[in-house]
Amino acid sequence: MKKIFLNLLLLSSINLMAQWSTNSAINTPMSSAPKSQDNCHSVSDSKGGVITSWDDTRNSTTNSSDIYAQRIDKSGIIKWALNGIVISSNIATQKSSAIIASNNGSAIITWEDNRNGNYDIYAQKIDSSGNVLWTSDGIPVCSKSTNQKNPKLVSDNAGGAIVVWEDSLNFYWDIYAQRISSTGAQLWNSNGISICSAPNAQGNPKIDIDGLGGAIITWQDKRNNVDYDIYAQRINNSGTVLWTANGVVVCNSVNTQNNPRIEPDGSNGALVAWVDKRNAIDNDIYAQHINSSGAIQWTSNGVAVCTASNNQSALDIKYIGTAGLILSWKDERSGTNAIYSQIVSMSGTPQLTSNGILISNSLKSINPNTIADGNGGAIIAWQDSTSVGWNIKSQKINSTGAIAWTSGGATVSDAFEDQINVSHVTDNNGGAVFVWEDHRNGTNYDLYANHLFDNGTFFVGLNELSNNSLQAICYPNPINHNSIIKISNNQTNEPWEITIYDSYGKKIATTILKASESYALNSDDYSSGIYFYSVRLTSSLNYSKGSFISIK
């Protein structure tokens, strides 16, 4: 086999603020401000990038926190101020932020706020350019004299949001909700509508859209004064509750059911899953389907998703269309923590191996998050352990449960020290953008981000030939619209085919170059952005290790 050596020289006339790194130990910094940034949550910017909110202690002398946000575009470029823009920096404490995507690339953020001497709920809207649109430091969603906590929200499909929270007005925690308009006005009763004020405690509410501008809310409920059950309620866009007062029973089996998750079912109803200890020994996973009228669709008290030995917990779910509901969770059946997943059809039948399929394979894995991949499958991300700390990994599975990426998960970040609490969003092209809390500085947590394409690597379309077999690799060759590609040291004197791809792996152009010939990208074919190249020898199949070809 003859030896071929190829060097591609990239000559660029501009410097980028940042871009996706192809090194899993480097990544892209989102915020490295002093002190800690944590509790990060992310939504799509609607253009293949990500908007993230978080709790931030950079301004504190007493460890109180503010709320900040940042946007990174599809090419990995920071779009707003270095280390993020202020959402609320009132002298009091702001914490427990949550975020949703709104119209035209904007986002709405809500949080707990004690500026009035007790914890209330506030919110702010921000546009795609990073401008805050409502009153500085946010508008009140609920500002009673008692405490409110744990806000969650969904879009109202009109530029505003529906917010749900736990409310201590009646001594025990109850569930309340409020709708905020696109201009930040309260649209329902002052300080919110009661979703559930049954006896004893209700908590841990989760909310999702009902498809008609309203919302469906689920929570864990101790009205029986013994243990927690799961209830749900639907509210329309006018603030009228539509189901039985104080909610319909999702599950009231013996012992405790908690940590509910909710997804829309595509027909104005909801899919709900939870952690369940009805066997009185350990926690399992169950799920239920409720239609738009609040009627239970599957087996009473839910379908068993996983009843394997030891505990299953840290549940996350995602509706993936006609295939049904995908669930992922932390699983201790083997004596250590692993990530498992299951798909349940819309008729309530588990589709994969009984008790789910193994997603991770390292020392231990926790905190799974699940998103739809846009093609009927899902992308799961989690916190993955090594002998020296925590990393971030991810796996993609299709609608039949087939694993798409490398066994055990593709590495998102394996930087120094710990990477934890990952959140991720779709890139709208089968891949995902990931954001996490990162302790690589050894002192406090910062926020970092990275991107995996739909093939589970940092670049689409390059493979290395070794012993006549293809092996997927990542090759760090991003270029921009002012770059020049030039072939040097081409010992074969044969022409090479150069193919240019955009950030999503779409083929933009192909050209043929011989030794010392150049190809300039600064033509009308290229706009400002990030591009990638691949190369192949046009007339020979005798490649050596170190040569690269395109598989697109």
Protein backbone atom coordinates (compact mmCIF):
# COMPACT_ATOMS: atom_id res chain seq x y z
CA MET A 1 0.00 0.00 0.00
CA LYS A 2 1.59 3.28 -1.04
CA LYS A 3 2.03 6.07 1.47
CA ILE A 4 0.15 9.33 1.03
CA PHE A 5 0.75 12.44 3.09
CA LEU A 6 -1.62 15.37 2.95
CA ASN A 7 -1.55 18.71 4.72
CA LEU A 8 -4.33 21.26 4.31
CA LEU A 9 -3.33 24.83 5.13
CA LEU A 10 -6.12 27.13 6.32
CA LEU A 11 -5.49 30.86 5.89
CA SER A 12 -8.10 32.98 7.63
CA SER A 13 -8.42 36.75 7.77
CA ILE A 14 -10.85 36.96 10.72
CA ASN A 15 -10.96 35.78 14.31
CA LEU A 16 -14.14 34.30 15.72
CA MET A 17 -15.34 35.07 19.25
CA ALA A 18 -15.71 31.35 19.89
CA GLN A 19 -16.86 28.23 18.12
CA TRP A 20 -17.59 24.61 18.90
CA SER A 21 -14.46 22.79 19.95
CA THR A 22 -13.77 19.37 18.47
CA ASN A 23 -11.84 18.46 21.62
CA SER A 24 -14.08 16.96 24.31
CA ALA A 25 -11.71 18.24 27.02
CA ILE A 26 -11.91 21.88 25.85
CA ASN A 27 -15.54 22.73 24.94
CA THR A 28 -17.05 26.23 24.67
CA PRO A 29 -17.29 28.46 27.77
CA MET A 30 -20.72 29.97 28.34
CA SER A 31 -19.96 31.73 31.62
CA SER A 32 -16.74 31.68 33.63
CA ALA A 33 -17.58 34.63 35.88
CA PRO A 34 -16.28 34.69 39.48
CA LYS A 35 -17.95 32.44 42.05
CA SER A 36 -20.52 29.85 41.03
CA GLN A 37 -22.99 29.51 38.18
CA ASP A 38 -25.42 26.63 38.68
CA ASN A 39 -28.99 25.37 38.20
CA CYS A 40 -28.74 25.85 34.44
CA HIS A 41 -31.72 25.23 32.15
CA SER A 42 -31.72 25.48 28.37
CA VAL A 43 -34.11 26.01 25.46
CA SER A 44 -33.60 26.18 21.72
CA ASP A 45 -33.01 29.61 20.18
CA SER A 46 -35.11 28.32 17.20
CA LYS A 47 -32.06 28.54 14.89
CA GLY A 48 -30.00 25.53 15.98
CA GLY A 49 -28.42 27.24 19.00
CA VAL A 50 -29.26 27.44 22.69
CA ILE A 51 -30.46 29.96 25.30
CA THR A 52 -29.58 29.09 28.91
CA SER A 53 -30.60 30.64 32.24
CA TRP A 54 -28.92 30.01 35.57
CA ASP A 55 -28.50 31.06 39.20
CA ASP A 56 -25.33 33.16 39.64
CA THR A 57 -23.44 34.28 42.79
CA ARG A 58 -20.85 36.54 41.10
CA ASN A 59 -22.22 39.70 42.78
CA SER A 60 -22.77 38.25 46.24
CA THR A 61 -20.92 38.71 49.50
CA THR A 62 -23.44 36.53 51.38
CA ASN A 63 -23.79 33.69 48.84
CA SER A 64 -27.12 35.03 47.56
CA SER A 65 -27.71 34.58 43.84
CA ASP A 66 -28.94 36.51 40.81
CA ILE A 67 -30.38 35.28 37.51
CA TYR A 68 -28.32 35.45 34.29
CA ALA A 69 -28.76 34.15 30.74
CA GLN A 70 -26.67 33.56 27.61
CA ARG A 71 -27.18 32.55 23.99
CA ILE A 72 -24.81 30.48 21.83
CA ASP A 73 -25.66 30.16 18.14
CA LYS A 74 -25.52 27.02 16.00
CA SER A 75 -21.83 27.59 15.20
CA GLY A 76 -20.84 27.87 18.87
CA ILE A 77 -20.49 31.65 18.89
CA ILE A 78 -21.49 33.64 21.99
CA LYS A 79 -24.20 36.12 20.99
CA TRP A 80 -24.71 38.17 24.15
CA ALA A 81 -22.42 39.84 26.70
CA LEU A 82 -19.35 37.98 27.95
CA ASN A 83 -20.38 35.66 30.82
CA GLY A 84 -24.07 36.37 30.24
CA ILE A 85 -26.62 39.16 30.63
CA VAL A 86 -28.43 40.10 33.83
CA ILE A 87 -32.04 38.95 34.10
CA SER A 88 -32.40 40.04 37.72
CA SER A 89 -29.72 41.35 40.10
CA ASN A 90 -31.94 42.81 42.80
CA ILE A 91 -30.10 43.09 46.12
CA ALA A 92 -32.22 40.24 47.50
CA THR A 93 -31.89 36.57 46.51
CA GLN A 94 -33.13 35.26 43.17
CA LYS A 95 -32.89 31.50 42.66
CA SER A 96 -34.44 28.34 41.17
CA SER A 97 -34.79 29.78 37.67
CA ALA A 98 -36.67 28.02 34.87
CA ILE A 99 -36.89 28.96 31.18
CA ILE A 100 -39.06 28.37 28.10
CA ALA A 101 -38.69 29.35 24.47
CA SER A 102 -41.13 32.00 23.26
CA ASN A 103 -41.87 33.58 19.89
CA ASN A 104 -39.22 34.79 17.38
CA GLY A 105 -36.26 33.32 19.24
CA SER A 106 -37.13 34.99 22.55
CA ALA A 107 -37.34 33.30 25.95
CA ILE A 108 -39.23 33.75 29.23
CA ILE A 109 -37.54 33.06 32.56
CA THR A 110 -39.13 32.67 35.99
CA TRP A 111 -37.59 32.35 39.47
CA GLU A 112 -38.06 32.58 43.25
CA ASP A 113 -37.38 36.09 44.63
CA ASN A 114 -37.28 37.36 48.24
CA ARG A 115 -37.03 41.12 47.54
CA ASN A 116 -40.25 41.65 49.58
CA GLY A 117 -39.07 39.76 52.66
CA ASN A 118 -40.54 36.41 51.67
CA TYR A 119 -40.21 34.31 48.53
CA ASP A 120 -42.42 35.37 45.62
CA ILE A 121 -42.43 34.38 41.93
CA TYR A 122 -41.04 36.78 39.30
CA ALA A 123 -40.49 36.56 35.55
CA GLN A 124 -38.69 38.29 32.67
CA LYS A 125 -38.77 38.07 28.87
CA ILE A 126 -35.70 38.43 26.70
CA ASP A 127 -35.45 38.74 22.92
CA SER A 128 -33.04 36.96 20.58
CA SER A 129 -30.58 39.87 20.80
CA GLY A 130 -30.41 39.73 24.60
CA ASN A 131 -32.66 42.72 25.34
CA VAL A 132 -34.90 42.42 28.42
CA LEU A 133 -38.47 43.26 27.38
CA TRP A 134 -40.29 43.65 30.68
CA THR A 135 -39.64 45.79 33.77
CA SER A 136 -36.00 45.80 34.95
CA ASP A 137 -35.40 42.92 37.43
CA GLY A 138 -38.63 41.28 36.34
CA ILE A 139 -42.39 41.47 36.83
CA PRO A 140 -44.26 39.81 39.73
CA VAL A 141 -46.12 36.62 38.86
CA CYS A 142 -47.22 36.16 42.46
CA SER A 143 -46.32 38.44 45.39
CA LYS A 144 -48.36 37.32 48.38
CA SER A 145 -47.25 37.83 51.98
CA THR A 146 -46.62 34.07 52.27
CA ASN A 147 -43.93 32.05 50.50
CA GLN A 148 -44.11 30.66 46.98
CA LYS A 149 -41.50 28.32 45.50
CA ASN A 150 -40.51 25.94 42.71
CA PRO A 151 -41.89 27.77 39.62
CA LYS A 152 -42.24 26.00 36.26
CA LEU A 153 -43.68 27.41 33.03
CA VAL A 154 -44.83 26.73 29.47
CA SER A 155 -45.60 28.95 26.51
CA ASP A 156 -49.19 30.17 26.08
CA ASN A 157 -48.67 30.19 22.28
CA ALA A 158 -49.27 33.95 22.25
CA GLY A 159 -45.89 35.31 23.31
CA GLY A 160 -46.59 34.91 27.02
CA ALA A 161 -46.43 32.05 29.51
CA ILE A 162 -48.39 29.99 32.04
CA VAL A 163 -46.48 29.63 35.31
CA VAL A 164 -47.18 27.08 38.04
CA TRP A 165 -45.71 27.01 41.57
CA GLU A 166 -46.07 25.73 45.13
CA ASP A 167 -47.92 28.19 47.37
CA SER A 168 -48.05 28.28 51.19
CA LEU A 169 -51.13 30.56 51.43
CA ASN A 170 -53.16 27.86 53.22
CA PHE A 171 -50.39 26.73 55.61
CA TYR A 172 -49.69 23.54 53.65
CA TRP A 173 -48.17 23.81 50.18
CA ASP A 174 -50.82 24.01 47.44
CA ILE A 175 -50.54 24.37 43.64
CA TYR A 176 -51.28 27.71 41.94
CA ALA A 177 -50.87 29.05 38.41
CA GLN A 178 -50.86 32.39 36.55
CA ARG A 179 -50.81 33.43 32.93
CA ILE A 180 -48.53 36.31 31.89
CA SER A 181 -49.12 38.15 28.61
CA SER A 182 -46.48 38.91 25.98
CA THR A 183 -46.10 42.35 27.58
CA GLY A 184 -45.73 41.04 31.13
CA ALA A 185 -49.29 41.64 32.40
CA GLN A 186 -51.07 39.22 34.75
CA LEU A 187 -54.07 37.81 32.83
CA TRP A 188 -55.78 35.75 35.54
CA ASN A 189 -56.75 36.53 39.14
CA SER A 190 -54.24 38.62 41.02
CA ASN A 191 -51.59 36.28 42.46
CA GLY A 192 -52.92 33.29 40.55
CA ILE A 193 -55.57 30.58 40.19
CA SER A 194 -55.82 27.65 42.60
CA ILE A 195 -55.02 24.42 40.79
CA CYS A 196 -55.21 22.30 43.91
CA SER A 197 -55.94 23.33 47.51
CA ALA A 198 -56.92 19.89 48.83
CA PRO A 199 -56.00 19.04 52.45
CA ASN A 200 -52.37 18.49 53.41
CA ALA A 201 -49.41 19.02 51.08
CA GLN A 202 -49.22 19.18 47.31
CA GLY A 203 -45.84 19.70 45.70
CA ASN A 204 -43.37 19.18 42.87
CA PRO A 205 -45.65 20.49 40.08
CA LYS A 206 -44.81 19.91 36.42
CA ILE A 207 -46.55 21.61 33.51
CA ASP A 208 -46.88 21.23 29.76
CA ILE A 209 -49.01 22.63 26.96
CA ASP A 210 -52.48 21.29 26.17
CA GLY A 211 -52.24 22.29 22.50
CA LEU A 212 -54.96 24.95 22.72
CA GLY A 213 -53.20 27.74 24.61
CA GLY A 214 -53.85 26.24 28.03
CA ALA A 215 -51.85 23.79 30.11
CA ILE A 216 -51.97 20.45 31.90
CA ILE A 217 -50.34 20.27 35.33
CA THR A 218 -49.37 17.24 37.42
CA TRP A 219 -48.05 17.03 40.98
CA GLN A 220 -47.51 14.73 43.96
CA ASP A 221 -50.35 14.94 46.48
CA LYS A 222 -50.68 13.92 50.15
CA ARG A 223 -54.36 14.67 50.64
CA ASN A 224 -54.83 11.15 52.05
CA ASN A 225 -52.53 12.20 54.95
CA VAL A 226 -50.57 8.94 54.57
CA ASP A 227 -48.35 9.09 51.49
CA TYR A 228 -48.04 10.84 48.15
CA ASP A 229 -50.19 10.05 45.10
CA ILE A 230 -50.16 11.60 41.61
CA TYR A 231 -52.89 14.01 40.45
CA ALA A 232 -53.38 16.23 37.37
CA GLN A 233 -55.48 19.21 36.25
CA ARG A 234 -56.09 21.05 32.99
CA ILE A 235 -56.58 24.82 32.77
CA ASN A 236 -57.59 26.77 29.67
CA ASN A 237 -56.15 30.06 28.43
CA SER A 238 -58.81 32.04 30.33
CA GLY A 239 -57.85 30.54 33.70
CA THR A 240 -60.75 28.09 34.02
CA VAL A 241 -59.92 24.63 35.39
CA LEU A 242 -61.49 21.99 33.13
CA TRP A 243 -61.31 18.77 35.12
CA THR A 244 -62.54 17.67 38.57
CA ALA A 245 -61.94 20.27 41.29
CA ASN A 246 -58.49 19.77 42.87
CA GLY A 247 -57.51 17.42 40.06
CA VAL A 248 -58.11 13.93 38.70
CA VAL A 249 -56.36 10.87 40.14
CA VAL A 250 -53.48 9.66 37.97
CA CYS A 251 -52.31 7.10 40.52
CA ASN A 252 -53.37 6.46 44.13
CA SER A 253 -51.86 3.03 44.60
CA VAL A 254 -50.53 2.05 48.04
CA ASN A 255 -47.36 3.65 49.35
CA THR A 256 -45.66 6.66 47.77
CA GLN A 257 -45.75 7.86 44.19
CA ASN A 258 -43.63 10.96 43.50
CA ASN A 259 -41.41 12.91 41.11
CA PRO A 260 -43.99 13.13 38.26
CA ARG A 261 -43.07 14.12 34.71
CA ILE A 262 -45.51 15.25 32.00
CA GLU A 263 -45.57 15.48 28.20
CA PRO A 264 -48.36 16.44 25.75
CA ASP A 265 -49.93 13.50 23.89
CA GLY A 266 -50.52 15.33 20.59
CA SER A 267 -54.30 15.32 21.14
CA ASN A 268 -54.76 17.93 23.91
CA GLY A 269 -54.24 15.35 26.64
CA ALA A 270 -51.11 14.31 28.54
CA LEU A 271 -48.67 11.50 29.22
CA VAL A 272 -47.53 11.31 32.84
CA ALA A 273 -44.84 9.13 34.43
CA TRP A 274 -43.56 8.92 37.99
CA VAL A 275 -41.44 7.04 40.55
CA ASP A 276 -43.52 4.44 42.42
CA LYS A 277 -42.99 2.46 45.65
CA ARG A 278 -46.20 0.43 45.64
CA ASN A 279 -44.21 -2.78 46.20
CA ALA A 280 -43.11 -1.36 49.62
CA ILE A 281 -39.52 -2.43 48.91
CA ASP A 282 -37.95 -0.12 46.33
CA ASN A 283 -38.82 2.46 43.69
CA ASP A 284 -40.09 1.50 40.22
CA ILE A 285 -41.26 3.48 37.16
CA TYR A 286 -44.92 3.74 36.07
CA ALA A 287 -46.77 5.79 33.42
CA GLN A 288 -50.32 6.83 32.48
CA HIS A 289 -52.16 8.52 29.60
CA ILE A 290 -54.95 11.06 30.26
CA ASN A 291 -57.11 12.34 27.42
CA SER A 292 -58.26 15.92 26.89
CA SER A 293 -61.32 15.33 29.10
CA GLY A 294 -59.28 14.03 32.03
CA ALA A 295 -60.18 10.37 31.49
CA ILE A 296 -57.59 7.68 32.23
CA GLN A 297 -56.63 5.76 29.06
CA TRP A 298 -54.36 2.98 30.31
CA THR A 299 -54.52 0.47 33.17
CA SER A 300 -55.81 1.91 36.44
CA ASN A 301 -52.89 3.30 38.49
CA GLY A 302 -50.58 3.12 35.53
CA VAL A 303 -48.54 0.87 33.26
CA ALA A 304 -45.41 -0.70 34.75
CA VAL A 305 -42.43 0.62 32.79
CA CYS A 306 -39.69 -0.85 34.99
CA THR A 307 -40.02 -3.09 38.06
CA ALA A 308 -36.44 -4.38 38.13
CA SER A 309 -34.76 -5.00 41.47
CA ASN A 310 -33.44 -2.12 43.58
CA ASN A 311 -34.31 1.52 42.94
CA GLN A 312 -35.22 3.30 39.74
CA SER A 313 -35.37 7.11 40.03
CA ALA A 314 -34.32 10.45 38.44
CA LEU A 315 -36.94 9.96 35.73
CA ASP A 316 -37.25 11.99 32.52
CA ILE A 317 -39.69 11.51 29.62
CA LYS A 318 -40.37 12.77 26.10
CA TYR A 319 -43.26 12.32 23.65
CA ILE A 320 -41.79 11.21 20.30
CA GLY A 321 -44.90 11.15 18.13
CA THR A 322 -46.62 8.03 16.85
CA ALA A 323 -44.05 5.78 18.55
CA GLY A 324 -45.34 7.03 21.91
CA LEU A 325 -43.40 7.96 25.03
CA ILE A 326 -39.72 7.43 25.72
CA LEU A 327 -38.62 7.26 29.35
CA SER A 328 -35.10 7.36 30.80
CA TRP A 329 -34.07 6.89 34.41
CA LYS A 330 -31.27 6.14 36.87
CA ASP A 331 -31.27 2.42 37.67
CA GLU A 332 -29.61 0.49 40.54
CA ARG A 333 -30.52 -3.06 39.48
CA SER A 334 -26.85 -4.04 39.02
CA GLY A 335 -25.78 -2.63 42.38
CA THR A 336 -24.48 0.64 40.93
CA ASN A 337 -26.12 3.50 39.06
CA ALA A 338 -26.76 3.11 35.32
CA ILE A 339 -29.06 4.74 32.76
CA TYR A 340 -31.89 2.69 31.26
CA SER A 341 -34.61 3.59 28.77
CA GLN A 342 -37.97 2.26 27.54
CA ILE A 343 -40.50 3.23 24.86
CA VAL A 344 -44.20 2.89 25.69
CA SER A 345 -46.67 2.94 22.80
CA MET A 346 -49.75 5.15 22.73
CA SER A 347 -51.76 2.05 23.68
CA GLY A 348 -49.69 1.69 26.86
CA THR A 349 -47.49 -1.24 25.84
CA PRO A 350 -43.72 -1.25 26.53
CA GLN A 351 -41.95 -1.76 23.19
CA LEU A 352 -38.39 -2.69 24.16
CA THR A 353 -36.83 -5.38 26.35
CA SER A 354 -38.71 -5.92 29.61
CA ASN A 355 -37.63 -3.31 32.18
CA GLY A 356 -35.79 -1.28 29.55
CA ILE A 357 -32.51 -1.22 27.66
CA LEU A 358 -29.12 -0.24 29.09
CA ILE A 359 -27.90 3.14 27.78
CA SER A 360 -24.71 3.71 29.81
CA ASN A 361 -21.87 1.32 30.63
CA SER A 362 -19.37 3.11 32.88
CA LEU A 363 -18.69 3.00 36.64
CA LYS A 364 -21.94 4.80 37.40
CA SER A 365 -24.28 7.22 35.65
CA ILE A 366 -26.92 9.61 36.99
CA ASN A 367 -29.21 12.54 36.14
CA PRO A 368 -30.55 11.63 32.67
CA ASN A 369 -32.25 14.25 30.49
CA THR A 370 -34.20 13.33 27.36
CA ILE A 371 -35.14 15.35 24.27
CA ALA A 372 -36.76 14.46 20.95
CA ASP A 373 -34.31 14.25 18.04
CA GLY A 374 -36.83 15.55 15.48
CA ASN A 375 -36.84 12.26 13.57
CA GLY A 376 -39.09 10.16 15.81
CA GLY A 377 -36.32 9.20 18.23
CA ALA A 378 -34.63 10.75 21.24
CA ILE A 379 -31.27 11.99 22.52
CA ILE A 380 -30.44 11.20 26.15
CA ALA A 381 -27.71 13.02 28.09
CA TRP A 382 -26.40 12.19 31.55
CA GLN A 383 -23.67 12.65 34.13
CA ASP A 384 -21.17 9.81 33.71
CA SER A 385 -18.53 8.79 36.26
CA THR A 386 -14.88 7.95 35.82
CA SER A 387 -12.21 7.07 38.36
CA VAL A 388 -11.38 10.78 38.76
CA GLY A 389 -14.71 12.59 38.45
CA TRP A 390 -17.88 13.18 36.44
CA ASN A 391 -18.12 13.64 32.66
CA ILE A 392 -21.03 14.31 30.30
CA LYS A 393 -22.15 11.64 27.84
CA SER A 394 -25.05 11.25 25.44
CA GLN A 395 -26.82 8.56 23.42
CA LYS A 396 -29.30 8.65 20.55
CA ILE A 397 -31.97 5.98 20.03
CA ASN A 398 -34.51 5.72 17.25
CA SER A 399 -38.24 5.03 17.51
CA THR A 400 -37.63 1.26 17.67
CA GLY A 401 -35.03 1.54 20.43
CA ALA A 402 -31.97 0.98 18.21
CA ILE A 403 -28.81 2.62 19.54
CA ALA A 404 -27.42 5.14 17.04
CA TRP A 405 -24.18 6.34 18.65
CA THR A 406 -21.17 4.56 20.13
CA SER A 407 -21.87 1.94 22.79
CA GLY A 408 -22.04 3.48 26.24
CA GLY A 409 -22.64 6.94 24.83
CA ALA A 410 -20.77 9.61 22.92
CA THR A 411 -18.51 11.82 25.05
CA VAL A 412 -19.72 15.43 25.25
CA SER A 413 -17.14 16.57 27.79
CA ASP A 414 -14.34 14.84 29.70
CA ALA A 415 -12.52 17.95 30.91
CA PHE A 416 -10.55 18.15 34.15
CA GLU A 417 -12.48 17.56 37.40
CA ASP A 418 -16.32 17.40 37.41
CA GLN A 419 -18.93 18.15 34.76
CA ILE A 420 -22.46 17.81 36.16
CA ASN A 421 -26.16 18.60 35.71
CA VAL A 422 -26.35 18.66 31.92
CA SER A 423 -29.26 20.16 29.98
CA HIS A 424 -29.54 19.93 26.19
CA VAL A 425 -31.70 20.99 23.24
CA THR A 426 -32.13 19.84 19.67
CA ASP A 427 -30.02 21.47 16.95
CA ASN A 428 -32.96 20.91 14.54
CA ASN A 429 -30.80 18.58 12.44
CA GLY A 430 -30.71 15.34 14.42
CA GLY A 431 -28.02 16.43 16.86
CA ALA A 432 -28.00 18.39 20.11
CA VAL A 433 -26.42 21.31 21.94
CA PHE A 434 -25.42 20.60 25.57
CA VAL A 435 -24.86 22.94 28.54
CA TRP A 436 -23.59 21.87 31.96
CA GLU A 437 -22.04 22.99 35.25
CA ASP A 438 -18.26 22.59 35.12
CA HIS A 439 -15.66 22.50 37.92
CA ARG A 440 -12.53 22.43 35.73
CA ASN A 441 -11.17 25.58 37.39
CA GLY A 442 -10.97 23.65 40.69
CA THR A 443 -12.65 26.42 42.70
CA ASN A 444 -16.30 26.85 41.68
CA TYR A 445 -18.73 25.89 38.96
CA ASP A 446 -18.81 27.64 35.58
CA LEU A 447 -21.00 26.86 32.56
CA TYR A 448 -19.69 25.19 29.40
CA ALA A 449 -21.36 24.00 26.20
CA ASN A 450 -20.74 21.64 23.29
CA HIS A 451 -22.44 20.28 20.18
CA LEU A 452 -22.83 16.77 18.77
CA PHE A 453 -23.99 16.30 15.19
CA ASP A 454 -26.54 13.67 14.22
CA ASN A 455 -23.82 11.00 13.96
CA GLY A 456 -22.72 11.52 17.56
CA THR A 457 -19.41 13.21 16.75
CA PHE A 458 -18.14 16.78 16.68
CA PHE A 459 -18.00 16.75 12.89
CA VAL A 460 -20.15 15.24 10.15
CA GLY A 461 -18.66 13.29 7.29
CA LEU A 462 -15.01 12.45 8.04
CA ASN A 463 -13.67 8.95 8.48
CA GLU A 464 -10.17 7.51 8.74
CA LEU A 465 -9.09 4.53 6.66
CA SER A 466 -6.96 2.02 8.58
CA ASN A 467 -6.33 -1.49 7.27
CA ASN A 468 -9.11 -0.98 4.71
CA SER A 469 -11.76 -0.43 7.39
CA LEU A 470 -13.68 2.75 8.18
CA GLN A 471 -13.40 4.16 11.69
CA ALA A 472 -15.37 7.26 12.72
CA ILE A 473 -13.17 10.05 14.06
CA CYS A 474 -13.47 13.72 14.89
CA TYR A 475 -11.20 16.00 12.91
CA PRO A 476 -10.71 19.64 14.04
CA ASN A 477 -11.04 21.50 10.78
CA PRO A 478 -13.64 24.28 11.11
CA ILE A 479 -13.16 27.14 8.64
CA ASN A 480 -15.00 30.36 7.87
CA HIS A 481 -16.18 32.26 4.82
CA ASN A 482 -12.82 34.01 4.39
CA SER A 483 -10.68 30.87 4.52
CA ILE A 484 -8.44 29.54 1.77
CA ILE A 485 -7.85 25.80 1.40
CA LYS A 486 -4.53 24.81 -0.15
CA ILE A 487 -3.02 21.38 -0.76
CA SER A 488 0.68 21.00 -0.02
CA ASN A 489 3.09 18.07 0.06
CA ASN A 490 0.88 15.96 -2.18
CA GLN A 491 3.35 13.22 -3.07
CA THR A 492 1.04 11.49 -5.55
CA ASN A 493 0.61 14.52 -7.86
CA GLU A 494 -2.94 13.28 -8.30
CA PRO A 495 -5.99 15.52 -7.90
CA TRP A 496 -7.90 15.63 -4.61
CA GLU A 497 -11.60 16.25 -4.24
CA ILE A 498 -12.41 18.91 -1.61
CA THR A 499 -15.98 18.98 -0.27
CA ILE A 500 -17.29 21.83 1.89
CA TYR A 501 -20.11 21.34 4.42
CA ASP A 502 -22.02 23.84 6.54
CA SER A 503 -22.44 23.48 10.31
CA TYR A 504 -25.21 20.90 9.84
CA GLY A 505 -23.27 18.73 7.42
CA LYS A 506 -25.11 19.99 4.33
CA LYS A 507 -22.88 19.87 1.25
CA ILE A 508 -22.17 23.41 0.00
CA ALA A 509 -19.57 22.93 -2.74
CA THR A 510 -17.07 20.48 -4.23
CA THR A 511 -13.86 21.31 -6.09
CA ILE A 512 -10.84 19.43 -7.47
CA LEU A 513 -7.34 20.60 -6.47
CA LYS A 514 -3.85 19.50 -7.43
CA ALA A 515 -0.68 20.18 -5.48
CA SER A 516 -0.15 23.86 -4.66
CA GLU A 517 -3.58 24.83 -6.00
CA SER A 518 -5.89 26.81 -3.73
CA TYR A 519 -9.63 27.22 -3.21
CA ALA A 520 -10.97 30.42 -1.68
CA LEU A 521 -14.29 30.38 0.16
CA ASN A 522 -14.84 34.14 -0.08
CA SER A 523 -17.40 33.94 -2.85
CA ASP A 524 -21.14 34.49 -2.97
CA ASP A 525 -21.61 30.85 -1.98
CA TYR A 526 -20.55 31.53 1.59
CA SER A 527 -22.05 33.72 4.26
CA SER A 528 -20.61 34.43 7.68
CA GLY A 529 -20.55 31.19 9.64
CA ILE A 530 -18.64 27.99 10.27
CA TYR A 531 -17.86 25.41 7.57
CA PHE A 532 -16.02 22.10 7.43
CA TYR A 533 -14.07 20.33 4.72
CA SER A 534 -13.37 16.73 3.78
CA VAL A 535 -10.96 15.38 1.16
CA ARG A 536 -10.48 12.27 -0.94
CA LEU A 537 -8.06 11.18 -3.63
CA THR A 538 -10.01 11.08 -6.89
CA SER A 539 -8.29 8.23 -8.75
CA SER A 540 -7.02 5.73 -6.21
CA LEU A 541 -8.40 3.55 -3.43
CA ASN A 542 -4.97 2.93 -1.92
CA TYR A 543 -5.35 5.15 1.11
CA SER A 544 -3.03 4.93 4.08
CA LYS A 545 -3.71 5.60 7.73
CA GLY A 546 -3.76 9.35 8.11
CA SER A 547 -5.63 10.02 4.89
CA PHE A 548 -9.23 11.16 5.09
CA ILE A 549 -12.28 10.61 2.94
CA SER A 550 -15.85 11.85 2.93
CA ILE A 551 -18.74 9.50 3.61
CA LYS A 552 -21.46 12.00 2.69
